[in-house]
PDB file of N, CA and C in Angstrom:
ATOM      1  N   MET A   1      47.977  46.704  -2.220  1.00  0.00           N
ATOM      2  CA  MET A   1      48.592  45.916  -3.271  1.00  0.00           C
ATOM      3  C   MET A   1      47.795  44.625  -3.430  1.00  0.00           C
ATOM      4  N   THR A   2      47.484  44.297  -4.658  1.00  0.00           N
ATOM      5  CA  THR A   2      46.860  43.022  -4.972  1.00  0.00           C
ATOM      6  C   THR A   2      47.847  42.199  -5.786  1.00  0.00           C
ATOM      7  N   ALA A   3      48.056  40.970  -5.378  1.00  0.00           N
ATOM      8  CA  ALA A   3      48.928  40.061  -6.130  1.00  0.00           C
ATOM      9  C   ALA A   3      48.072  39.276  -7.117  1.00  0.00           C
ATOM     10  N   PHE A   4      48.702  38.878  -8.217  1.00  0.00           N
ATOM     11  CA  PHE A   4      48.015  38.128  -9.268  1.00  0.00           C
ATOM     12  C   PHE A   4      48.838  36.931  -9.699  1.00  0.00           C
ATOM     13  N   LEU A   5      48.145  35.837 -10.037  1.00  0.00           N
ATOM     14  CA  LEU A   5      48.719  34.760 -10.829  1.00  0.00           C
ATOM     15  C   LEU A   5      48.342  35.074 -12.267  1.00  0.00           C
ATOM     16  N   VAL A   6      49.306  35.059 -13.158  1.00  0.00           N
ATOM     17  CA  VAL A   6      49.023  35.347 -14.562  1.00  0.00           C
ATOM     18  C   VAL A   6      49.288  34.083 -15.359  1.00  0.00           C
ATOM     19  N   TYR A   7      48.241  33.577 -15.981  1.00  0.00           N
ATOM     20  CA  TYR A   7      48.274  32.355 -16.786  1.00  0.00           C
ATOM     21  C   TYR A   7      48.578  32.751 -18.223  1.00  0.00           C
ATOM     22  N   ILE A   8      49.646  32.178 -18.770  1.00  0.00           N
ATOM     23  CA  ILE A   8      50.095  32.480 -20.129  1.00  0.00           C
ATOM     24  C   ILE A   8      50.369  31.156 -20.826  1.00  0.00           C
ATOM     25  N   THR A   9      49.914  31.000 -22.058  1.00  0.00           N
ATOM     26  CA  THR A   9      50.289  29.812 -22.828  1.00  0.00           C
ATOM     27  C   THR A   9      51.358  30.207 -23.834  1.00  0.00           C
ATOM     28  N   ALA A  10      52.215  29.247 -24.156  1.00  0.00           N
ATOM     29  CA  ALA A  10      53.313  29.483 -25.093  1.00  0.00           C
ATOM     30  C   ALA A  10      53.400  28.329 -26.073  1.00  0.00           C
ATOM     31  N   ASN A  11      54.008  28.591 -27.199  1.00  0.00           N
ATOM     32  CA  ASN A  11      54.157  27.599 -28.261  1.00  0.00           C
ATOM     33  C   ASN A  11      54.919  26.366 -27.794  1.00  0.00           C
ATOM     34  N   ASP A  12      55.940  26.570 -26.967  1.00  0.00           N
ATOM     35  CA  ASP A  12      56.756  25.456 -26.479  1.00  0.00           C
ATOM     36  C   ASP A  12      57.506  25.880 -25.221  1.00  0.00           C
ATOM     37  N   THR A  13      58.255  24.954 -24.658  1.00  0.00           N
ATOM     38  CA  THR A  13      58.998  25.215 -23.428  1.00  0.00           C
ATOM     39  C   THR A  13      60.015  26.328 -23.602  1.00  0.00           C
ATOM     40  N   ALA A  14      60.722  26.325 -24.715  1.00  0.00           N
ATOM     41  CA  ALA A  14      61.746  27.341 -24.938  1.00  0.00           C
ATOM     42  C   ALA A  14      61.135  28.744 -24.923  1.00  0.00           C
ATOM     43  N   GLU A  15      59.997  28.910 -25.593  1.00  0.00           N
ATOM     44  CA  GLU A  15      59.358  30.229 -25.603  1.00  0.00           C
ATOM     45  C   GLU A  15      58.876  30.611 -24.208  1.00  0.00           C
ATOM     46  N   ALA A  16      58.270  29.682 -23.484  1.00  0.00           N
ATOM     47  CA  ALA A  16      57.791  29.959 -22.129  1.00  0.00           C
ATOM     48  C   ALA A  16      58.954  30.367 -21.221  1.00  0.00           C
ATOM     49  N   LYS A  17      60.072  29.652 -21.301  1.00  0.00           N
ATOM     50  CA  LYS A  17      61.242  29.988 -20.487  1.00  0.00           C
ATOM     51  C   LYS A  17      61.800  31.356 -20.859  1.00  0.00           C
ATOM     52  N   ARG A  18      61.865  31.643 -22.154  1.00  0.00           N
ATOM     53  CA  ARG A  18      62.412  32.924 -22.611  1.00  0.00           C
ATOM     54  C   ARG A  18      61.547  34.077 -22.092  1.00  0.00           C
ATOM     55  N   ILE A  19      60.253  33.967 -22.248  1.00  0.00           N
ATOM     56  CA  ILE A  19      59.344  35.016 -21.780  1.00  0.00           C
ATOM     57  C   ILE A  19      59.413  35.139 -20.255  1.00  0.00           C
ATOM     58  N   GLY A  20      59.372  34.012 -19.560  1.00  0.00           N
ATOM     59  CA  GLY A  20      59.436  34.033 -18.100  1.00  0.00           C
ATOM     60  C   GLY A  20      60.703  34.684 -17.587  1.00  0.00           C
ATOM     61  N   ARG A  21      61.831  34.369 -18.198  1.00  0.00           N
ATOM     62  CA  ARG A  21      63.109  34.955 -17.764  1.00  0.00           C
ATOM     63  C   ARG A  21      63.105  36.472 -17.941  1.00  0.00           C
ATOM     64  N   VAL A  22      62.618  36.943 -19.078  1.00  0.00           N
ATOM     65  CA  VAL A  22      62.565  38.388 -19.319  1.00  0.00           C
ATOM     66  C   VAL A  22      61.673  39.070 -18.286  1.00  0.00           C
ATOM     67  N   LEU A  23      60.507  38.489 -18.014  1.00  0.00           N
ATOM     68  CA  LEU A  23      59.585  39.097 -17.058  1.00  0.00           C
ATOM     69  C   LEU A  23      60.195  39.204 -15.662  1.00  0.00           C
ATOM     70  N   VAL A  24      60.940  38.180 -15.248  1.00  0.00           N
ATOM     71  CA  VAL A  24      61.589  38.217 -13.933  1.00  0.00           C
ATOM     72  C   VAL A  24      62.767  39.195 -13.960  1.00  0.00           C
ATOM     73  N   GLU A  25      63.580  39.148 -15.016  1.00  0.00           N
ATOM     74  CA  GLU A  25      64.725  40.066 -15.110  1.00  0.00           C
ATOM     75  C   GLU A  25      64.284  41.526 -15.070  1.00  0.00           C
ATOM     76  N   GLU A  26      63.174  41.828 -15.708  1.00  0.00           N
ATOM     77  CA  GLU A  26      62.679  43.200 -15.775  1.00  0.00           C
ATOM     78  C   GLU A  26      61.785  43.562 -14.588  1.00  0.00           C
ATOM     79  N   GLN A  27      61.689  42.689 -13.604  1.00  0.00           N
ATOM     80  CA  GLN A  27      60.906  42.857 -12.377  1.00  0.00           C
ATOM     81  C   GLN A  27      59.415  43.097 -12.644  1.00  0.00           C
ATOM     82  N   LEU A  28      58.946  42.556 -13.760  1.00  0.00           N
ATOM     83  CA  LEU A  28      57.514  42.582 -14.036  1.00  0.00           C
ATOM     84  C   LEU A  28      56.815  41.418 -13.361  1.00  0.00           C
ATOM     85  N   ALA A  29      57.577  40.365 -13.059  1.00  0.00           N
ATOM     86  CA  ALA A  29      57.080  39.194 -12.335  1.00  0.00           C
ATOM     87  C   ALA A  29      58.099  38.816 -11.266  1.00  0.00           C
ATOM     88  N   ALA A  30      57.612  38.336 -10.143  1.00  0.00           N
ATOM     89  CA  ALA A  30      58.497  37.866  -9.078  1.00  0.00           C
ATOM     90  C   ALA A  30      59.013  36.476  -9.383  1.00  0.00           C
ATOM     91  N   CYS A  31      58.225  35.701 -10.114  1.00  0.00           N
ATOM     92  CA  CYS A  31      58.526  34.298 -10.350  1.00  0.00           C
ATOM     93  C   CYS A  31      57.788  33.846 -11.597  1.00  0.00           C
ATOM     94  N   ALA A  32      58.348  32.862 -12.273  1.00  0.00           N
ATOM     95  CA  ALA A  32      57.690  32.276 -13.440  1.00  0.00           C
ATOM     96  C   ALA A  32      57.836  30.759 -13.359  1.00  0.00           C
ATOM     97  N   ASN A  33      56.731  30.054 -13.505  1.00  0.00           N
ATOM     98  CA  ASN A  33      56.729  28.592 -13.517  1.00  0.00           C
ATOM     99  C   ASN A  33      56.354  28.111 -14.908  1.00  0.00           C
ATOM    100  N   VAL A  34      57.133  27.172 -15.435  1.00  0.00           N
ATOM    101  CA  VAL A  34      56.864  26.609 -16.755  1.00  0.00           C
ATOM    102  C   VAL A  34      56.374  25.178 -16.567  1.00  0.00           C
ATOM    103  N   LEU A  35      55.209  24.892 -17.139  1.00  0.00           N
ATOM    104  CA  LEU A  35      54.617  23.559 -17.072  1.00  0.00           C
ATOM    105  C   LEU A  35      54.532  23.002 -18.486  1.00  0.00           C
ATOM    106  N   ASP A  36      55.152  21.864 -18.704  1.00  0.00           N
ATOM    107  CA  ASP A  36      55.152  21.234 -20.026  1.00  0.00           C
ATOM    108  C   ASP A  36      53.997  20.251 -20.166  1.00  0.00           C
ATOM    109  N   GLY A  37      53.776  19.838 -21.405  1.00  0.00           N
ATOM    110  CA  GLY A  37      52.855  18.740 -21.667  1.00  0.00           C
ATOM    111  C   GLY A  37      51.390  19.111 -21.664  1.00  0.00           C
ATOM    112  N   MET A  38      51.075  20.360 -21.932  1.00  0.00           N
ATOM    113  CA  MET A  38      49.689  20.795 -21.955  1.00  0.00           C
ATOM    114  C   MET A  38      49.162  20.687 -23.385  1.00  0.00           C
ATOM    115  N   THR A  39      47.935  20.230 -23.520  1.00  0.00           N
ATOM    116  CA  THR A  39      47.272  20.184 -24.818  1.00  0.00           C
ATOM    117  C   THR A  39      46.148  21.203 -24.827  1.00  0.00           C
ATOM    118  N   SER A  40      46.146  22.051 -25.840  1.00  0.00           N
ATOM    119  CA  SER A  40      45.084  23.044 -25.990  1.00  0.00           C
ATOM    120  C   SER A  40      44.160  22.647 -27.123  1.00  0.00           C
ATOM    121  N   ILE A  41      42.868  22.754 -26.868  1.00  0.00           N
ATOM    122  CA  ILE A  41      41.837  22.556 -27.895  1.00  0.00           C
ATOM    123  C   ILE A  41      41.078  23.872 -27.950  1.00  0.00           C
ATOM    124  N   TYR A  42      41.050  24.490 -29.127  1.00  0.00           N
ATOM    125  CA  TYR A  42      40.486  25.821 -29.234  1.00  0.00           C
ATOM    126  C   TYR A  42      40.006  26.096 -30.658  1.00  0.00           C
ATOM    127  N   ARG A  43      39.219  27.135 -30.779  1.00  0.00           N
ATOM    128  CA  ARG A  43      38.760  27.566 -32.097  1.00  0.00           C
ATOM    129  C   ARG A  43      39.604  28.773 -32.509  1.00  0.00           C
ATOM    130  N   TRP A  44      40.154  28.720 -33.710  1.00  0.00           N
ATOM    131  CA  TRP A  44      40.949  29.837 -34.244  1.00  0.00           C
ATOM    132  C   TRP A  44      40.625  29.997 -35.719  1.00  0.00           C
ATOM    133  N   GLN A  45      40.190  31.170 -36.077  1.00  0.00           N
ATOM    134  CA  GLN A  45      39.851  31.501 -37.457  1.00  0.00           C
ATOM    135  C   GLN A  45      38.884  30.478 -38.060  1.00  0.00           C
ATOM    136  N   GLY A  46      37.861  30.115 -37.252  1.00  0.00           N
ATOM    137  CA  GLY A  46      36.803  29.226 -37.726  1.00  0.00           C
ATOM    138  C   GLY A  46      37.131  27.749 -37.702  1.00  0.00           C
ATOM    139  N   GLU A  47      38.305  27.377 -37.287  1.00  0.00           N
ATOM    140  CA  GLU A  47      38.723  25.971 -37.251  1.00  0.00           C
ATOM    141  C   GLU A  47      38.920  25.527 -35.802  1.00  0.00           C
ATOM    142  N   ILE A  48      38.612  24.240 -35.521  1.00  0.00           N
ATOM    143  CA  ILE A  48      38.942  23.643 -34.236  1.00  0.00           C
ATOM    144  C   ILE A  48      40.375  23.133 -34.332  1.00  0.00           C
ATOM    145  N   CYS A  49      41.206  23.589 -33.397  1.00  0.00           N
ATOM    146  CA  CYS A  49      42.631  23.224 -33.393  1.00  0.00           C
ATOM    147  C   CYS A  49      42.961  22.464 -32.117  1.00  0.00           C
ATOM    148  N   GLU A  50      43.972  21.633 -32.196  1.00  0.00           N
ATOM    149  CA  GLU A  50      44.501  20.918 -31.037  1.00  0.00           C
ATOM    150  C   GLU A  50      46.010  20.939 -31.147  1.00  0.00           C
ATOM    151  N   ASP A  51      46.664  21.536 -30.151  1.00  0.00           N
ATOM    152  CA  ASP A  51      48.117  21.705 -30.197  1.00  0.00           C
ATOM    153  C   ASP A  51      48.742  21.465 -28.836  1.00  0.00           C
ATOM    154  N   ALA A  52      49.986  21.006 -28.864  1.00  0.00           N
ATOM    155  CA  ALA A  52      50.800  20.924 -27.652  1.00  0.00           C
ATOM    156  C   ALA A  52      51.323  22.323 -27.359  1.00  0.00           C
ATOM    157  N   GLU A  53      51.250  22.721 -26.110  1.00  0.00           N
ATOM    158  CA  GLU A  53      51.764  24.016 -25.681  1.00  0.00           C
ATOM    159  C   GLU A  53      52.414  23.851 -24.310  1.00  0.00           C
ATOM    160  N   SER A  54      53.039  24.925 -23.849  1.00  0.00           N
ATOM    161  CA  SER A  54      53.532  24.994 -22.480  1.00  0.00           C
ATOM    162  C   SER A  54      52.778  26.096 -21.764  1.00  0.00           C
ATOM    163  N   VAL A  55      52.619  25.915 -20.465  1.00  0.00           N
ATOM    164  CA  VAL A  55      51.961  26.916 -19.635  1.00  0.00           C
ATOM    165  C   VAL A  55      53.030  27.676 -18.866  1.00  0.00           C
ATOM    166  N   LEU A  56      52.882  28.981 -18.819  1.00  0.00           N
ATOM    167  CA  LEU A  56      53.735  29.845 -18.026  1.00  0.00           C
ATOM    168  C   LEU A  56      52.835  30.522 -17.002  1.00  0.00           C
ATOM    169  N   ILE A  57      53.131  30.340 -15.722  1.00  0.00           N
ATOM    170  CA  ILE A  57      52.380  31.000 -14.664  1.00  0.00           C
ATOM    171  C   ILE A  57      53.339  31.950 -13.961  1.00  0.00           C
ATOM    172  N   THR A  58      52.970  33.229 -13.928  1.00  0.00           N
ATOM    173  CA  THR A  58      53.801  34.220 -13.266  1.00  0.00           C
ATOM    174  C   THR A  58      53.062  34.803 -12.076  1.00  0.00           C
ATOM    175  N   LYS A  59      53.837  35.384 -11.171  1.00  0.00           N
ATOM    176  CA  LYS A  59      53.271  36.075 -10.015  1.00  0.00           C
ATOM    177  C   LYS A  59      53.679  37.535 -10.123  1.00  0.00           C
ATOM    178  N   THR A  60      52.685  38.430 -10.027  1.00  0.00           N
ATOM    179  CA  THR A  60      52.961  39.861 -10.143  1.00  0.00           C
ATOM    180  C   THR A  60      51.987  40.632  -9.271  1.00  0.00           C
ATOM    181  N   THR A  61      52.013  41.949  -9.403  1.00  0.00           N
ATOM    182  CA  THR A  61      51.130  42.824  -8.631  1.00  0.00           C
ATOM    183  C   THR A  61      50.272  43.662  -9.568  1.00  0.00           C
ATOM    184  N   ASP A  62      49.256  44.279  -8.985  1.00  0.00           N
ATOM    185  CA  ASP A  62      48.382  45.143  -9.777  1.00  0.00           C
ATOM    186  C   ASP A  62      49.147  46.285 -10.432  1.00  0.00           C
ATOM    187  N   THR A  63      50.210  46.763  -9.797  1.00  0.00           N
ATOM    188  CA  THR A  63      50.970  47.880 -10.371  1.00  0.00           C
ATOM    189  C   THR A  63      51.808  47.471 -11.572  1.00  0.00           C
ATOM    190  N   GLN A  64      52.108  46.193 -11.727  1.00  0.00           N
ATOM    191  CA  GLN A  64      52.934  45.711 -12.837  1.00  0.00           C
ATOM    192  C   GLN A  64      52.138  44.927 -13.872  1.00  0.00           C
ATOM    193  N   LEU A  65      50.869  44.666 -13.602  1.00  0.00           N
ATOM    194  CA  LEU A  65      50.083  43.783 -14.460  1.00  0.00           C
ATOM    195  C   LEU A  65      49.972  44.288 -15.897  1.00  0.00           C
ATOM    196  N   GLU A  66      49.677  45.549 -16.090  1.00  0.00           N
ATOM    197  CA  GLU A  66      49.536  46.082 -17.448  1.00  0.00           C
ATOM    198  C   GLU A  66      50.862  46.023 -18.202  1.00  0.00           C
ATOM    199  N   ALA A  67      51.957  46.404 -17.533  1.00  0.00           N
ATOM    200  CA  ALA A  67      53.270  46.357 -18.175  1.00  0.00           C
ATOM    201  C   ALA A  67      53.665  44.918 -18.503  1.00  0.00           C
ATOM    202  N   LEU A  68      53.369  43.976 -17.602  1.00  0.00           N
ATOM    203  CA  LEU A  68      53.651  42.561 -17.859  1.00  0.00           C
ATOM    204  C   LEU A  68      52.876  42.087 -19.086  1.00  0.00           C
ATOM    205  N   THR A  69      51.602  42.412 -19.149  1.00  0.00           N
ATOM    206  CA  THR A  69      50.772  41.999 -20.287  1.00  0.00           C
ATOM    207  C   THR A  69      51.324  42.567 -21.591  1.00  0.00           C
ATOM    208  N   ASP A  70      51.664  43.843 -21.585  1.00  0.00           N
ATOM    209  CA  ASP A  70      52.223  44.476 -22.787  1.00  0.00           C
ATOM    210  C   ASP A  70      53.535  43.810 -23.204  1.00  0.00           C
ATOM    211  N   ARG A  71      54.369  43.474 -22.227  1.00  0.00           N
ATOM    212  CA  ARG A  71      55.672  42.862 -22.537  1.00  0.00           C
ATOM    213  C   ARG A  71      55.485  41.459 -23.109  1.00  0.00           C
ATOM    214  N   VAL A  72      54.552  40.696 -22.560  1.00  0.00           N
ATOM    215  CA  VAL A  72      54.267  39.365 -23.102  1.00  0.00           C
ATOM    216  C   VAL A  72      53.839  39.496 -24.560  1.00  0.00           C
ATOM    217  N   LYS A  73      52.962  40.443 -24.849  1.00  0.00           N
ATOM    218  CA  LYS A  73      52.499  40.635 -26.230  1.00  0.00           C
ATOM    219  C   LYS A  73      53.654  40.993 -27.163  1.00  0.00           C
ATOM    220  N   GLU A  74      54.641  41.737 -26.679  1.00  0.00           N
ATOM    221  CA  GLU A  74      55.819  42.074 -27.485  1.00  0.00           C
ATOM    222  C   GLU A  74      56.702  40.857 -27.743  1.00  0.00           C
ATOM    223  N   LEU A  75      56.867  40.011 -26.735  1.00  0.00           N
ATOM    224  CA  LEU A  75      57.801  38.884 -26.798  1.00  0.00           C
ATOM    225  C   LEU A  75      57.222  37.632 -27.444  1.00  0.00           C
ATOM    226  N   HIS A  76      55.921  37.510 -27.471  1.00  0.00           N
ATOM    227  CA  HIS A  76      55.243  36.264 -27.833  1.00  0.00           C
ATOM    228  C   HIS A  76      55.192  36.057 -29.342  1.00  0.00           C
ATOM    229  N   SER A  77      55.210  34.801 -29.763  1.00  0.00           N
ATOM    230  CA  SER A  77      55.131  34.464 -31.190  1.00  0.00           C
ATOM    231  C   SER A  77      53.695  34.457 -31.708  1.00  0.00           C
ATOM    232  N   TYR A  78      52.702  34.402 -30.814  1.00  0.00           N
ATOM    233  CA  TYR A  78      51.302  34.339 -31.238  1.00  0.00           C
ATOM    234  C   TYR A  78      50.762  35.724 -31.577  1.00  0.00           C
ATOM    235  N   ASP A  79      49.809  35.784 -32.491  1.00  0.00           N
ATOM    236  CA  ASP A  79      49.115  37.033 -32.812  1.00  0.00           C
ATOM    237  C   ASP A  79      48.258  37.509 -31.633  1.00  0.00           C
ATOM    238  N   CYS A  80      47.692  36.548 -30.912  1.00  0.00           N
ATOM    239  CA  CYS A  80      46.788  36.866 -29.801  1.00  0.00           C
ATOM    240  C   CYS A  80      47.113  35.950 -28.617  1.00  0.00           C
ATOM    241  N   PRO A  81      48.209  36.247 -27.889  1.00  0.00           N
ATOM    242  CA  PRO A  81      48.600  35.339 -26.808  1.00  0.00           C
ATOM    243  C   PRO A  81      47.616  35.353 -25.640  1.00  0.00           C
ATOM    244  N   CYS A  82      47.465  34.198 -25.028  1.00  0.00           N
ATOM    245  CA  CYS A  82      46.658  34.067 -23.819  1.00  0.00           C
ATOM    246  C   CYS A  82      47.433  34.681 -22.662  1.00  0.00           C
ATOM    247  N   VAL A  83      46.869  35.715 -22.069  1.00  0.00           N
ATOM    248  CA  VAL A  83      47.392  36.317 -20.843  1.00  0.00           C
ATOM    249  C   VAL A  83      46.162  36.581 -19.979  1.00  0.00           C
ATOM    250  N   ALA A  84      45.973  35.791 -18.931  1.00  0.00           N
ATOM    251  CA  ALA A  84      44.791  35.920 -18.085  1.00  0.00           C
ATOM    252  C   ALA A  84      45.231  36.061 -16.631  1.00  0.00           C
ATOM    253  N   ALA A  85      44.830  37.157 -16.001  1.00  0.00           N
ATOM    254  CA  ALA A  85      45.247  37.450 -14.632  1.00  0.00           C
ATOM    255  C   ALA A  85      44.166  37.043 -13.640  1.00  0.00           C
ATOM    256  N   LEU A  86      44.573  36.334 -12.616  1.00  0.00           N
ATOM    257  CA  LEU A  86      43.671  35.873 -11.556  1.00  0.00           C
ATOM    258  C   LEU A  86      44.139  36.484 -10.239  1.00  0.00           C
ATOM    259  N   PRO A  87      43.309  37.275  -9.574  1.00  0.00           N
ATOM    260  CA  PRO A  87      43.740  37.881  -8.313  1.00  0.00           C
ATOM    261  C   PRO A  87      43.933  36.831  -7.225  1.00  0.00           C
ATOM    262  N   ILE A  88      44.951  37.034  -6.429  1.00  0.00           N
ATOM    263  CA  ILE A  88      45.204  36.168  -5.276  1.00  0.00           C
ATOM    264  C   ILE A  88      44.481  36.797  -4.087  1.00  0.00           C
ATOM    265  N   THR A  89      43.533  36.088  -3.533  1.00  0.00           N
ATOM    266  CA  THR A  89      42.708  36.653  -2.470  1.00  0.00           C
ATOM    267  C   THR A  89      43.123  36.204  -1.075  1.00  0.00           C
ATOM    268  N   GLY A  90      44.134  35.360  -0.996  1.00  0.00           N
ATOM    269  CA  GLY A  90      44.612  34.909   0.304  1.00  0.00           C
ATOM    270  C   GLY A  90      45.862  34.086   0.127  1.00  0.00           C
ATOM    271  N   GLY A  91      46.452  33.693   1.239  1.00  0.00           N
ATOM    272  CA  GLY A  91      47.649  32.855   1.181  1.00  0.00           C
ATOM    273  C   GLY A  91      48.682  33.299   2.195  1.00  0.00           C
ATOM    274  N   ASN A  92      49.880  32.818   2.009  1.00  0.00           N
ATOM    275  CA  ASN A  92      50.993  33.121   2.888  1.00  0.00           C
ATOM    276  C   ASN A  92      51.366  34.596   2.735  1.00  0.00           C
ATOM    277  N   VAL A  93      51.121  35.392   3.753  1.00  0.00           N
ATOM    278  CA  VAL A  93      51.376  36.835   3.691  1.00  0.00           C
ATOM    279  C   VAL A  93      52.845  37.111   3.378  1.00  0.00           C
ATOM    280  N   ALA A  94      53.748  36.335   3.940  1.00  0.00           N
ATOM    281  CA  ALA A  94      55.169  36.531   3.661  1.00  0.00           C
ATOM    282  C   ALA A  94      55.463  36.320   2.172  1.00  0.00           C
ATOM    283  N   PHE A  95      54.833  35.341   1.543  1.00  0.00           N
ATOM    284  CA  PHE A  95      55.013  35.107   0.106  1.00  0.00           C
ATOM    285  C   PHE A  95      54.428  36.252  -0.699  1.00  0.00           C
ATOM    286  N   LEU A  96      53.256  36.726  -0.338  1.00  0.00           N
ATOM    287  CA  LEU A  96      52.636  37.846  -1.043  1.00  0.00           C
ATOM    288  C   LEU A  96      53.479  39.110  -0.906  1.00  0.00           C
ATOM    289  N   ASP A  97      54.065  39.325   0.273  1.00  0.00           N
ATOM    290  CA  ASP A  97      54.981  40.458   0.460  1.00  0.00           C
ATOM    291  C   ASP A  97      56.208  40.304  -0.425  1.00  0.00           C
ATOM    292  N   TRP A  98      56.712  39.076  -0.562  1.00  0.00           N
ATOM    293  CA  TRP A  98      57.869  38.819  -1.420  1.00  0.00           C
ATOM    294  C   TRP A  98      57.544  39.173  -2.869  1.00  0.00           C
ATOM    295  N   ILE A  99      56.351  38.834  -3.344  1.00  0.00           N
ATOM    296  CA  ILE A  99      55.937  39.196  -4.705  1.00  0.00           C
ATOM    297  C   ILE A  99      56.023  40.715  -4.871  1.00  0.00           C
ATOM    298  N   ALA A 100      55.497  41.452  -3.901  1.00  0.00           N
ATOM    299  CA  ALA A 100      55.522  42.915  -3.972  1.00  0.00           C
ATOM    300  C   ALA A 100      56.959  43.443  -4.006  1.00  0.00           C
ATOM    301  N   GLU A 101      57.821  42.874  -3.174  1.00  0.00           N
ATOM    302  CA  GLU A 101      59.220  43.319  -3.130  1.00  0.00           C
ATOM    303  C   GLU A 101      59.948  43.051  -4.446  1.00  0.00           C
ATOM    304  N   GLN A 102      59.689  41.914  -5.062  1.00  0.00           N
ATOM    305  CA  GLN A 102      60.403  41.511  -6.265  1.00  0.00           C
ATOM    306  C   GLN A 102      59.926  42.230  -7.532  1.00  0.00           C
ATOM    307  N   THR A 103      58.764  42.867  -7.460  1.00  0.00           N
ATOM    308  CA  THR A 103      58.223  43.496  -8.655  1.00  0.00           C
ATOM    309  C   THR A 103      58.252  45.021  -8.601  1.00  0.00           C
ATOM    310  N   LYS A 104      58.997  45.560  -7.672  1.00  0.00           N
ATOM    311  CA  LYS A 104      59.144  47.006  -7.603  1.00  0.00           C
ATOM    312  C   LYS A 104      59.981  47.487  -8.771  1.00  0.00           C
ATOM    313  N   ALA A 105      59.579  48.568  -9.381  1.00  0.00           N
ATOM    314  CA  ALA A 105      60.365  49.154 -10.459  1.00  0.00           C
ATOM    315  C   ALA A 105      61.666  49.689  -9.896  1.00  0.00           C
ATOM    316  N   GLU A 106      62.747  49.494 -10.664  1.00  0.00           N
ATOM    317  CA  GLU A 106      64.044  49.999 -10.224  1.00  0.00           C
ATOM    318  C   GLU A 106      64.044  51.516 -10.233  1.00  0.00           C
ATOM    319  N   VAL A 107      64.713  52.107  -9.257  1.00  0.00           N
ATOM    320  CA  VAL A 107      64.832  53.558  -9.189  1.00  0.00           C
ATOM    321  C   VAL A 107      65.937  53.994 -10.132  1.00  0.00           C
ATOM    322  N   ALA A 108      65.639  54.989 -10.974  1.00  0.00           N
ATOM    323  CA  ALA A 108      66.634  55.450 -11.960  1.00  0.00           C
ATOM    324  C   ALA A 108      67.685  56.317 -11.329  1.00  0.00           C
TER     325      ALA A 108
END
């Protein structure tokens, strides 16, 4: 099992919280952290843009990463939401085990 931090940007705090809650409720993520006050500077459709956004950081596993990404794309207001997964290569083994336990698919 490989654990991942998944970096997601959202239009605002409300959207980040809504997406994070769904991901945790559906066991696609073990945890979601919402960070406010982020400014993004980016190019979109040929224009340089600068906007206030919120950051959503989730913790998941390799087995749930694709489903998490697909769910974010369904829930998100953006046409092309930022979803970037970073593998966790070390850390507190008990915490990494907790991520695995929290993201197991429910048995039908």
